[in-house]
Amino acid sequence: MSEQDTSKEQEILQMVKRVLTDVARDTHVKPGLRHPLSETTILGIRDCLALISARESEINLANGQDQNMRPTFAGESNAPKNVVVSIDQLTRKSDSDE
C-alpha cells in the first residue's frame, strides 16, 4: 500500500470515527430514559469504533509511528516515574545522627 493510499485511508478512518462519536454524543440521554438508538445499533457503533482503532494502530505500526499518544507537559522528562530501590540501600538513622 502506497503512502498516498495509507494517508487517504487514515483520513477516511478519522472522518468515520468523528461521525460515529458525534452520533453517540448527540443521542446521549440521561440515565433512566429510553435511548433513541436500538441496542443492536449501539453495539454496532462500538464494534465499528473498535475496528477503526485497531486499523489505526496497524497503520501506525506499519509506518513506524509511536503508539504512545499520551500528552506530555512542558519540561516533563521521559524518565521513568517509578524507581526501584533495594531494601539493602535503606538505612535507619542512628541515635548519634539525630
PDB file of N, CA and C in Angstrom:
ATOM      1  N   MET A   1       0.854  -1.180   0.000  1.00  0.00           N
ATOM      2  CA  MET A   1       0.000   0.000   0.000  1.00  0.00           C
ATOM      3  C   MET A   1       0.894   1.236   0.000  1.00  0.00           C
ATOM      4  N   SER A   2       0.638   2.144  -0.912  1.00  0.00           N
ATOM      5  CA  SER A   2       1.474   3.338  -1.013  1.00  0.00           C
ATOM      6  C   SER A   2       1.162   4.314   0.113  1.00  0.00           C
ATOM      7  N   GLU A   3       2.065   5.259   0.289  1.00  0.00           N
ATOM      8  CA  GLU A   3       1.886   6.260   1.355  1.00  0.00           C
ATOM      9  C   GLU A   3       0.641   7.095   1.107  1.00  0.00           C
ATOM     10  N   GLN A   4       0.352   7.367  -0.174  1.00  0.00           N
ATOM     11  CA  GLN A   4      -0.833   8.157  -0.511  1.00  0.00           C
ATOM     12  C   GLN A   4      -2.105   7.376  -0.166  1.00  0.00           C
ATOM     13  N   ASP A   5      -2.117   6.070  -0.438  1.00  0.00           N
ATOM     14  CA  ASP A   5      -3.271   5.233  -0.093  1.00  0.00           C
ATOM     15  C   ASP A   5      -3.466   5.173   1.415  1.00  0.00           C
ATOM     16  N   THR A   6      -2.340   5.026   2.143  1.00  0.00           N
ATOM     17  CA  THR A   6      -2.400   4.978   3.604  1.00  0.00           C
ATOM     18  C   THR A   6      -2.935   6.290   4.155  1.00  0.00           C
ATOM     19  N   SER A   7      -2.463   7.400   3.595  1.00  0.00           N
ATOM     20  CA  SER A   7      -2.919   8.711   4.046  1.00  0.00           C
ATOM     21  C   SER A   7      -4.422   8.868   3.828  1.00  0.00           C
ATOM     22  N   LYS A   8      -4.906   8.433   2.665  1.00  0.00           N
ATOM     23  CA  LYS A   8      -6.334   8.528   2.353  1.00  0.00           C
ATOM     24  C   LYS A   8      -7.133   7.628   3.295  1.00  0.00           C
ATOM     25  N   GLU A   9      -6.600   6.427   3.572  1.00  0.00           N
ATOM     26  CA  GLU A   9      -7.283   5.514   4.488  1.00  0.00           C
ATOM     27  C   GLU A   9      -7.358   6.113   5.889  1.00  0.00           C
ATOM     28  N   GLN A  10      -6.278   6.726   6.341  1.00  0.00           N
ATOM     29  CA  GLN A  10      -6.289   7.362   7.657  1.00  0.00           C
ATOM     30  C   GLN A  10      -7.302   8.496   7.709  1.00  0.00           C
ATOM     31  N   GLU A  11      -7.394   9.252   6.628  1.00  0.00           N
ATOM     32  CA  GLU A  11      -8.362  10.345   6.558  1.00  0.00           C
ATOM     33  C   GLU A  11      -9.786   9.809   6.644  1.00  0.00           C
ATOM     34  N   ILE A  12     -10.050   8.722   5.938  1.00  0.00           N
ATOM     35  CA  ILE A  12     -11.381   8.098   5.964  1.00  0.00           C
ATOM     36  C   ILE A  12     -11.696   7.575   7.366  1.00  0.00           C
ATOM     37  N   LEU A  13     -10.728   6.884   7.982  1.00  0.00           N
ATOM     38  CA  LEU A  13     -10.935   6.351   9.329  1.00  0.00           C
ATOM     39  C   LEU A  13     -11.221   7.466  10.329  1.00  0.00           C
ATOM     40  N   GLN A  14     -10.479   8.567  10.247  1.00  0.00           N
ATOM     41  CA  GLN A  14     -10.698   9.692  11.162  1.00  0.00           C
ATOM     42  C   GLN A  14     -12.092  10.286  10.989  1.00  0.00           C
ATOM     43  N   MET A  15     -12.520  10.425   9.739  1.00  0.00           N
ATOM     44  CA  MET A  15     -13.834  11.007   9.476  1.00  0.00           C
ATOM     45  C   MET A  15     -14.955  10.102   9.969  1.00  0.00           C
ATOM     46  N   VAL A  16     -14.838   8.797   9.701  1.00  0.00           N
ATOM     47  CA  VAL A  16     -15.865   7.853  10.153  1.00  0.00           C
ATOM     48  C   VAL A  16     -15.915   7.828  11.680  1.00  0.00           C
ATOM     49  N   LYS A  17     -14.734   7.832  12.310  1.00  0.00           N
ATOM     50  CA  LYS A  17     -14.700   7.841  13.780  1.00  0.00           C
ATOM     51  C   LYS A  17     -15.347   9.114  14.328  1.00  0.00           C
ATOM     52  N   ARG A  18     -15.066  10.252  13.698  1.00  0.00           N
ATOM     53  CA  ARG A  18     -15.647  11.516  14.147  1.00  0.00           C
ATOM     54  C   ARG A  18     -17.166  11.495  14.026  1.00  0.00           C
ATOM     55  N   VAL A  19     -17.683  10.973  12.917  1.00  0.00           N
ATOM     56  CA  VAL A  19     -19.138  10.924  12.716  1.00  0.00           C
ATOM     57  C   VAL A  19     -19.790   9.978  13.721  1.00  0.00           C
ATOM     58  N   LEU A  20     -19.189   8.806  13.923  1.00  0.00           N
ATOM     59  CA  LEU A  20     -19.766   7.852  14.879  1.00  0.00           C
ATOM     60  C   LEU A  20     -19.770   8.407  16.301  1.00  0.00           C
ATOM     61  N   THR A  21     -18.697   9.067  16.701  1.00  0.00           N
ATOM     62  CA  THR A  21     -18.675   9.635  18.055  1.00  0.00           C
ATOM     63  C   THR A  21     -19.635  10.824  18.166  1.00  0.00           C
ATOM     64  N   ASP A  22     -19.819  11.579  17.086  1.00  0.00           N
ATOM     65  CA  ASP A  22     -20.808  12.664  17.100  1.00  0.00           C
ATOM     66  C   ASP A  22     -22.222  12.106  17.249  1.00  0.00           C
ATOM     67  N   VAL A  23     -22.517  11.015  16.553  1.00  0.00           N
ATOM     68  CA  VAL A  23     -23.837  10.377  16.677  1.00  0.00           C
ATOM     69  C   VAL A  23     -24.043   9.921  18.119  1.00  0.00           C
ATOM     70  N   ALA A  24     -23.033   9.295  18.697  1.00  0.00           N
ATOM     71  CA  ALA A  24     -23.142   8.829  20.086  1.00  0.00           C
ATOM     72  C   ALA A  24     -23.356  10.006  21.034  1.00  0.00           C
ATOM     73  N   ARG A  25     -22.623  11.084  20.821  1.00  0.00           N
ATOM     74  CA  ARG A  25     -22.745  12.262  21.684  1.00  0.00           C
ATOM     75  C   ARG A  25     -24.114  12.937  21.520  1.00  0.00           C
ATOM     76  N   ASP A  26     -24.567  13.053  20.271  1.00  0.00           N
ATOM     77  CA  ASP A  26     -25.839  13.735  20.003  1.00  0.00           C
ATOM     78  C   ASP A  26     -27.053  12.942  20.483  1.00  0.00           C
ATOM     79  N   THR A  27     -26.931  11.631  20.604  1.00  0.00           N
ATOM     80  CA  THR A  27     -28.074  10.820  21.025  1.00  0.00           C
ATOM     81  C   THR A  27     -27.984  10.407  22.488  1.00  0.00           C
ATOM     82  N   HIS A  28     -26.999  10.915  23.202  1.00  0.00           N
ATOM     83  CA  HIS A  28     -26.856  10.580  24.627  1.00  0.00           C
ATOM     84  C   HIS A  28     -28.080  11.066  25.410  1.00  0.00           C
ATOM     85  N   VAL A  29     -28.593  10.192  26.264  1.00  0.00           N
ATOM     86  CA  VAL A  29     -29.743  10.561  27.094  1.00  0.00           C
ATOM     87  C   VAL A  29     -29.383  10.357  28.568  1.00  0.00           C
ATOM     88  N   LYS A  30     -30.133  11.005  29.422  1.00  0.00           N
ATOM     89  CA  LYS A  30     -29.905  10.875  30.860  1.00  0.00           C
ATOM     90  C   LYS A  30     -30.289   9.468  31.322  1.00  0.00           C
ATOM     91  N   PRO A  31     -29.651   8.997  32.391  1.00  0.00           N
ATOM     92  CA  PRO A  31     -29.980   7.661  32.903  1.00  0.00           C
ATOM     93  C   PRO A  31     -31.470   7.537  33.220  1.00  0.00           C
ATOM     94  N   GLY A  32     -32.029   6.399  32.889  1.00  0.00           N
ATOM     95  CA  GLY A  32     -33.443   6.138  33.151  1.00  0.00           C
ATOM     96  C   GLY A  32     -34.340   6.412  31.963  1.00  0.00           C
ATOM     97  N   LEU A  33     -33.884   7.198  30.999  1.00  0.00           N
ATOM     98  CA  LEU A  33     -34.677   7.485  29.809  1.00  0.00           C
ATOM     99  C   LEU A  33     -34.337   6.477  28.711  1.00  0.00           C
ATOM    100  N   ARG A  34     -35.299   6.249  27.814  1.00  0.00           N
ATOM    101  CA  ARG A  34     -35.095   5.305  26.723  1.00  0.00           C
ATOM    102  C   ARG A  34     -34.186   5.934  25.672  1.00  0.00           C
ATOM    103  N   HIS A  35     -33.173   5.166  25.264  1.00  0.00           N
ATOM    104  CA  HIS A  35     -32.232   5.647  24.251  1.00  0.00           C
ATOM    105  C   HIS A  35     -32.886   5.564  22.881  1.00  0.00           C
ATOM    106  N   PRO A  36     -32.699   6.589  22.026  1.00  0.00           N
ATOM    107  CA  PRO A  36     -33.348   6.566  20.712  1.00  0.00           C
ATOM    108  C   PRO A  36     -32.763   5.513  19.759  1.00  0.00           C
ATOM    109  N   LEU A  37     -31.536   5.064  20.023  1.00  0.00           N
ATOM    110  CA  LEU A  37     -30.927   4.036  19.175  1.00  0.00           C
ATOM    111  C   LEU A  37     -31.173   2.660  19.775  1.00  0.00           C
ATOM    112  N   SER A  38     -31.330   1.668  18.917  1.00  0.00           N
ATOM    113  CA  SER A  38     -31.536   0.309  19.420  1.00  0.00           C
ATOM    114  C   SER A  38     -30.224  -0.224  19.993  1.00  0.00           C
ATOM    115  N   GLU A  39     -30.343  -1.258  20.817  1.00  0.00           N
ATOM    116  CA  GLU A  39     -29.157  -1.863  21.424  1.00  0.00           C
ATOM    117  C   GLU A  39     -28.231  -2.424  20.340  1.00  0.00           C
ATOM    118  N   THR A  40     -28.814  -2.961  19.287  1.00  0.00           N
ATOM    119  CA  THR A  40     -28.025  -3.500  18.177  1.00  0.00           C
ATOM    120  C   THR A  40     -27.212  -2.395  17.500  1.00  0.00           C
ATOM    121  N   THR A  41     -27.830  -1.240  17.305  1.00  0.00           N
ATOM    122  CA  THR A  41     -27.134  -0.107  16.683  1.00  0.00           C
ATOM    123  C   THR A  41     -26.009   0.386  17.573  1.00  0.00           C
ATOM    124  N   ILE A  42     -26.254   0.471  18.868  1.00  0.00           N
ATOM    125  CA  ILE A  42     -25.229   0.915  19.817  1.00  0.00           C
ATOM    126  C   ILE A  42     -24.041  -0.042  19.801  1.00  0.00           C
ATOM    127  N   LEU A  43     -24.324  -1.350  19.812  1.00  0.00           N
ATOM    128  CA  LEU A  43     -23.246  -2.336  19.750  1.00  0.00           C
ATOM    129  C   LEU A  43     -22.503  -2.253  18.419  1.00  0.00           C
ATOM    130  N   GLY A  44     -23.227  -1.981  17.340  1.00  0.00           N
ATOM    131  CA  GLY A  44     -22.600  -1.818  16.022  1.00  0.00           C
ATOM    132  C   GLY A  44     -21.647  -0.641  15.992  1.00  0.00           C
ATOM    133  N   ILE A  45     -22.048   0.471  16.610  1.00  0.00           N
ATOM    134  CA  ILE A  45     -21.184   1.658  16.689  1.00  0.00           C
ATOM    135  C   ILE A  45     -19.928   1.331  17.489  1.00  0.00           C
ATOM    136  N   ARG A  46     -20.093   0.634  18.610  1.00  0.00           N
ATOM    137  CA  ARG A  46     -18.931   0.256  19.428  1.00  0.00           C
ATOM    138  C   ARG A  46     -17.980  -0.649  18.654  1.00  0.00           C
ATOM    139  N   ASP A  47     -18.551  -1.625  17.946  1.00  0.00           N
ATOM    140  CA  ASP A  47     -17.725  -2.543  17.157  1.00  0.00           C
ATOM    141  C   ASP A  47     -16.974  -1.798  16.049  1.00  0.00           C
ATOM    142  N   CYS A  48     -17.656  -0.862  15.398  1.00  0.00           N
ATOM    143  CA  CYS A  48     -17.009  -0.077  14.343  1.00  0.00           C
ATOM    144  C   CYS A  48     -15.858   0.749  14.908  1.00  0.00           C
ATOM    145  N   LEU A  49     -16.082   1.389  16.048  1.00  0.00           N
ATOM    146  CA  LEU A  49     -15.024   2.191  16.659  1.00  0.00           C
ATOM    147  C   LEU A  49     -13.838   1.327  17.075  1.00  0.00           C
ATOM    148  N   ALA A  50     -14.116   0.111  17.551  1.00  0.00           N
ATOM    149  CA  ALA A  50     -13.028  -0.801  17.917  1.00  0.00           C
ATOM    150  C   ALA A  50     -12.228  -1.213  16.678  1.00  0.00           C
ATOM    151  N   LEU A  51     -12.918  -1.495  15.572  1.00  0.00           N
ATOM    152  CA  LEU A  51     -12.236  -1.853  14.327  1.00  0.00           C
ATOM    153  C   LEU A  51     -11.401  -0.687  13.796  1.00  0.00           C
ATOM    154  N   ILE A  52     -11.945   0.514  13.889  1.00  0.00           N
ATOM    155  CA  ILE A  52     -11.213   1.697  13.433  1.00  0.00           C
ATOM    156  C   ILE A  52      -9.944   1.877  14.257  1.00  0.00           C
ATOM    157  N   SER A  53     -10.057   1.749  15.561  1.00  0.00           N
ATOM    158  CA  SER A  53      -8.882   1.895  16.434  1.00  0.00           C
ATOM    159  C   SER A  53      -7.832   0.834  16.131  1.00  0.00           C
ATOM    160  N   ALA A  54      -8.279  -0.396  15.904  1.00  0.00           N
ATOM    161  CA  ALA A  54      -7.341  -1.474  15.587  1.00  0.00           C
ATOM    162  C   ALA A  54      -6.628  -1.201  14.269  1.00  0.00           C
ATOM    163  N   ARG A  55      -7.365  -0.749  13.265  1.00  0.00           N
ATOM    164  CA  ARG A  55      -6.750  -0.460  11.960  1.00  0.00           C
ATOM    165  C   ARG A  55      -5.795   0.715  12.058  1.00  0.00           C
ATOM    166  N   GLU A  56      -6.163   1.755  12.816  1.00  0.00           N
ATOM    167  CA  GLU A  56      -5.264   2.897  13.006  1.00  0.00           C
ATOM    168  C   GLU A  56      -3.959   2.446  13.657  1.00  0.00           C
ATOM    169  N   SER A  57      -4.056   1.548  14.629  1.00  0.00           N
ATOM    170  CA  SER A  57      -2.857   1.022  15.282  1.00  0.00           C
ATOM    171  C   SER A  57      -1.996   0.248  14.287  1.00  0.00           C
ATOM    172  N   GLU A  58      -2.632  -0.574  13.441  1.00  0.00           N
ATOM    173  CA  GLU A  58      -1.893  -1.327  12.424  1.00  0.00           C
ATOM    174  C   GLU A  58      -1.158  -0.398  11.461  1.00  0.00           C
ATOM    175  N   ILE A  59      -1.842   0.645  11.022  1.00  0.00           N
ATOM    176  CA  ILE A  59      -1.225   1.601  10.094  1.00  0.00           C
ATOM    177  C   ILE A  59      -0.055   2.305  10.758  1.00  0.00           C
ATOM    178  N   ASN A  60      -0.260   2.767  11.997  1.00  0.00           N
ATOM    179  CA  ASN A  60       0.812   3.457  12.706  1.00  0.00           C
ATOM    180  C   ASN A  60       2.011   2.548  12.930  1.00  0.00           C
ATOM    181  N   LEU A  61       1.754   1.302  13.272  1.00  0.00           N
ATOM    182  CA  LEU A  61       2.835   0.336  13.481  1.00  0.00           C
ATOM    183  C   LEU A  61       3.595   0.083  12.183  1.00  0.00           C
ATOM    184  N   ALA A  62       2.860  -0.061  11.076  1.00  0.00           N
ATOM    185  CA  ALA A  62       3.489  -0.288   9.770  1.00  0.00           C
ATOM    186  C   ALA A  62       4.328   0.913   9.334  1.00  0.00           C
ATOM    187  N   ASN A  63       3.903   2.115   9.725  1.00  0.00           N
ATOM    188  CA  ASN A  63       4.633   3.336   9.369  1.00  0.00           C
ATOM    189  C   ASN A  63       5.731   3.674  10.371  1.00  0.00           C
ATOM    190  N   GLY A  64       5.845   2.862  11.429  1.00  0.00           N
ATOM    191  CA  GLY A  64       6.869   3.109  12.432  1.00  0.00           C
ATOM    192  C   GLY A  64       6.572   4.290  13.337  1.00  0.00           C
ATOM    193  N   GLN A  65       5.298   4.669  13.434  1.00  0.00           N
ATOM    194  CA  GLN A  65       4.913   5.798  14.277  1.00  0.00           C
ATOM    195  C   GLN A  65       4.726   5.340  15.711  1.00  0.00           C
ATOM    196  N   ASP A  66       4.999   6.239  16.637  1.00  0.00           N
ATOM    197  CA  ASP A  66       4.889   5.944  18.056  1.00  0.00           C
ATOM    198  C   ASP A  66       3.433   5.703  18.431  1.00  0.00           C
ATOM    199  N   GLN A  67       3.186   4.653  19.215  1.00  0.00           N
ATOM    200  CA  GLN A  67       1.836   4.312  19.650  1.00  0.00           C
ATOM    201  C   GLN A  67       1.451   4.996  20.955  1.00  0.00           C
ATOM    202  N   ASN A  68       2.426   5.608  21.644  1.00  0.00           N
ATOM    203  CA  ASN A  68       2.154   6.257  22.922  1.00  0.00           C
ATOM    204  C   ASN A  68       1.655   7.675  22.663  1.00  0.00           C
ATOM    205  N   MET A  69       0.354   7.836  22.645  1.00  0.00           N
ATOM    206  CA  MET A  69      -0.254   9.124  22.316  1.00  0.00           C
ATOM    207  C   MET A  69      -0.640   9.925  23.559  1.00  0.00           C
ATOM    208  N   ARG A  70       0.016   9.638  24.673  1.00  0.00           N
ATOM    209  CA  ARG A  70      -0.318  10.347  25.894  1.00  0.00           C
ATOM    210  C   ARG A  70       0.251  11.765  25.870  1.00  0.00           C
ATOM    211  N   PRO A  71      -0.491  12.716  26.408  1.00  0.00           N
ATOM    212  CA  PRO A  71       0.020  14.094  26.416  1.00  0.00           C
ATOM    213  C   PRO A  71       1.180  14.231  27.395  1.00  0.00           C
ATOM    214  N   THR A  72       2.072  15.141  27.079  1.00  0.00           N
ATOM    215  CA  THR A  72       3.173  15.456  27.985  1.00  0.00           C
ATOM    216  C   THR A  72       3.135  16.948  28.255  1.00  0.00           C
ATOM    217  N   PHE A  73       3.658  17.339  29.394  1.00  0.00           N
ATOM    218  CA  PHE A  73       3.683  18.731  29.779  1.00  0.00           C
ATOM    219  C   PHE A  73       5.048  19.320  29.489  1.00  0.00           C
ATOM    220  N   ALA A  74       5.091  20.612  29.276  1.00  0.00           N
ATOM    221  CA  ALA A  74       6.361  21.279  29.014  1.00  0.00           C
ATOM    222  C   ALA A  74       7.300  21.053  30.193  1.00  0.00           C
ATOM    223  N   GLY A  75       8.524  20.690  29.893  1.00  0.00           N
ATOM    224  CA  GLY A  75       9.508  20.465  30.943  1.00  0.00           C
ATOM    225  C   GLY A  75       9.460  19.076  31.534  1.00  0.00           C
ATOM    226  N   GLU A  76       8.495  18.278  31.116  1.00  0.00           N
ATOM    227  CA  GLU A  76       8.381  16.928  31.648  1.00  0.00           C
ATOM    228  C   GLU A  76       9.397  16.034  30.945  1.00  0.00           C
ATOM    229  N   SER A  77      10.137  15.291  31.725  1.00  0.00           N
ATOM    230  CA  SER A  77      11.145  14.418  31.127  1.00  0.00           C
ATOM    231  C   SER A  77      10.525  13.067  30.808  1.00  0.00           C
ATOM    232  N   ASN A  78      11.220  12.304  30.008  1.00  0.00           N
ATOM    233  CA  ASN A  78      10.764  10.964  29.662  1.00  0.00           C
ATOM    234  C   ASN A  78      11.332   9.932  30.624  1.00  0.00           C
ATOM    235  N   ALA A  79      11.873  10.399  31.739  1.00  0.00           N
ATOM    236  CA  ALA A  79      12.452   9.500  32.730  1.00  0.00           C
ATOM    237  C   ALA A  79      11.354   8.647  33.348  1.00  0.00           C
ATOM    238  N   PRO A  80      11.681   7.438  33.752  1.00  0.00           N
ATOM    239  CA  PRO A  80      10.661   6.582  34.369  1.00  0.00           C
ATOM    240  C   PRO A  80      10.100   7.216  35.640  1.00  0.00           C
ATOM    241  N   LYS A  81       8.811   7.025  35.843  1.00  0.00           N
ATOM    242  CA  LYS A  81       8.155   7.620  37.014  1.00  0.00           C
ATOM    243  C   LYS A  81       8.422   6.805  38.275  1.00  0.00           C
ATOM    244  N   ASN A  82       8.603   5.508  38.127  1.00  0.00           N
ATOM    245  CA  ASN A  82       8.828   4.639  39.272  1.00  0.00           C
ATOM    246  C   ASN A  82      10.287   4.221  39.304  1.00  0.00           C
ATOM    247  N   VAL A  83      10.884   4.321  40.472  1.00  0.00           N
ATOM    248  CA  VAL A  83      12.268   3.917  40.635  1.00  0.00           C
ATOM    249  C   VAL A  83      12.301   2.821  41.692  1.00  0.00           C
ATOM    250  N   VAL A  84      12.922   1.711  41.360  1.00  0.00           N
ATOM    251  CA  VAL A  84      13.028   0.599  42.288  1.00  0.00           C
ATOM    252  C   VAL A  84      14.243   0.828  43.168  1.00  0.00           C
ATOM    253  N   VAL A  85      14.026   0.747  44.471  1.00  0.00           N
ATOM    254  CA  VAL A  85      15.106   0.940  45.439  1.00  0.00           C
ATOM    255  C   VAL A  85      15.260  -0.357  46.216  1.00  0.00           C
ATOM    256  N   SER A  86      16.469  -0.831  46.279  1.00  0.00           N
ATOM    257  CA  SER A  86      16.736  -2.058  47.005  1.00  0.00           C
ATOM    258  C   SER A  86      16.583  -1.820  48.501  1.00  0.00           C
ATOM    259  N   ILE A  87      16.066  -2.791  49.201  1.00  0.00           N
ATOM    260  CA  ILE A  87      15.912  -2.677  50.651  1.00  0.00           C
ATOM    261  C   ILE A  87      17.279  -2.546  51.316  1.00  0.00           C
ATOM    262  N   ASP A  88      18.292  -3.135  50.699  1.00  0.00           N
ATOM    263  CA  ASP A  88      19.643  -3.057  51.250  1.00  0.00           C
ATOM    264  C   ASP A  88      20.140  -1.609  51.311  1.00  0.00           C
ATOM    265  N   GLN A  89      19.626  -0.745  50.460  1.00  0.00           N
ATOM    266  CA  GLN A  89      20.055   0.648  50.426  1.00  0.00           C
ATOM    267  C   GLN A  89      19.395   1.478  51.523  1.00  0.00           C
ATOM    268  N   LEU A  90      18.317   0.972  52.073  1.00  0.00           N
ATOM    269  CA  LEU A  90      17.608   1.710  53.108  1.00  0.00           C
ATOM    270  C   LEU A  90      18.318   1.524  54.445  1.00  0.00           C
ATOM    271  N   THR A  91      18.585   2.605  55.107  1.00  0.00           N
ATOM    272  CA  THR A  91      19.226   2.541  56.422  1.00  0.00           C
ATOM    273  C   THR A  91      18.461   3.418  57.383  1.00  0.00           C
ATOM    274  N   ARG A  92      18.552   3.091  58.610  1.00  0.00           N
ATOM    275  CA  ARG A  92      17.893   3.872  59.639  1.00  0.00           C
ATOM    276  C   ARG A  92      18.940   4.788  60.264  1.00  0.00           C
ATOM    277  N   LYS A  93      18.538   6.019  60.528  1.00  0.00           N
ATOM    278  CA  LYS A  93      19.472   6.938  61.179  1.00  0.00           C
ATOM    279  C   LYS A  93      19.802   6.427  62.564  1.00  0.00           C
ATOM    280  N   SER A  94      21.043   6.478  62.859  1.00  0.00           N
ATOM    281  CA  SER A  94      21.444   6.046  64.210  1.00  0.00           C
ATOM    282  C   SER A  94      21.112   7.141  65.206  1.00  0.00           C
ATOM    283  N   ASP A  95      21.074   6.805  66.458  1.00  0.00           N
ATOM    284  CA  ASP A  95      20.745   7.783  67.502  1.00  0.00           C
ATOM    285  C   ASP A  95      21.758   8.917  67.535  1.00  0.00           C
ATOM    286  N   SER A  96      23.002   8.657  67.131  1.00  0.00           N
ATOM    287  CA  SER A  96      24.017   9.693  67.179  1.00  0.00           C
ATOM    288  C   SER A  96      23.851  10.718  66.073  1.00  0.00           C
ATOM    289  N   ASP A  97      23.158  10.364  64.981  1.00  0.00           N
ATOM    290  CA  ASP A  97      22.972  11.280  63.859  1.00  0.00           C
ATOM    291  C   ASP A  97      21.860  12.293  64.150  1.00  0.00           C
ATOM    292  N   GLU A  98      20.990  11.991  65.055  1.00  0.00           N
ATOM    293  CA  GLU A  98      19.842  12.860  65.293  1.00  0.00           C
ATOM    294  C   GLU A  98      20.178  14.059  66.071  1.00  0.00           C
TER     295      GLU A  98
END
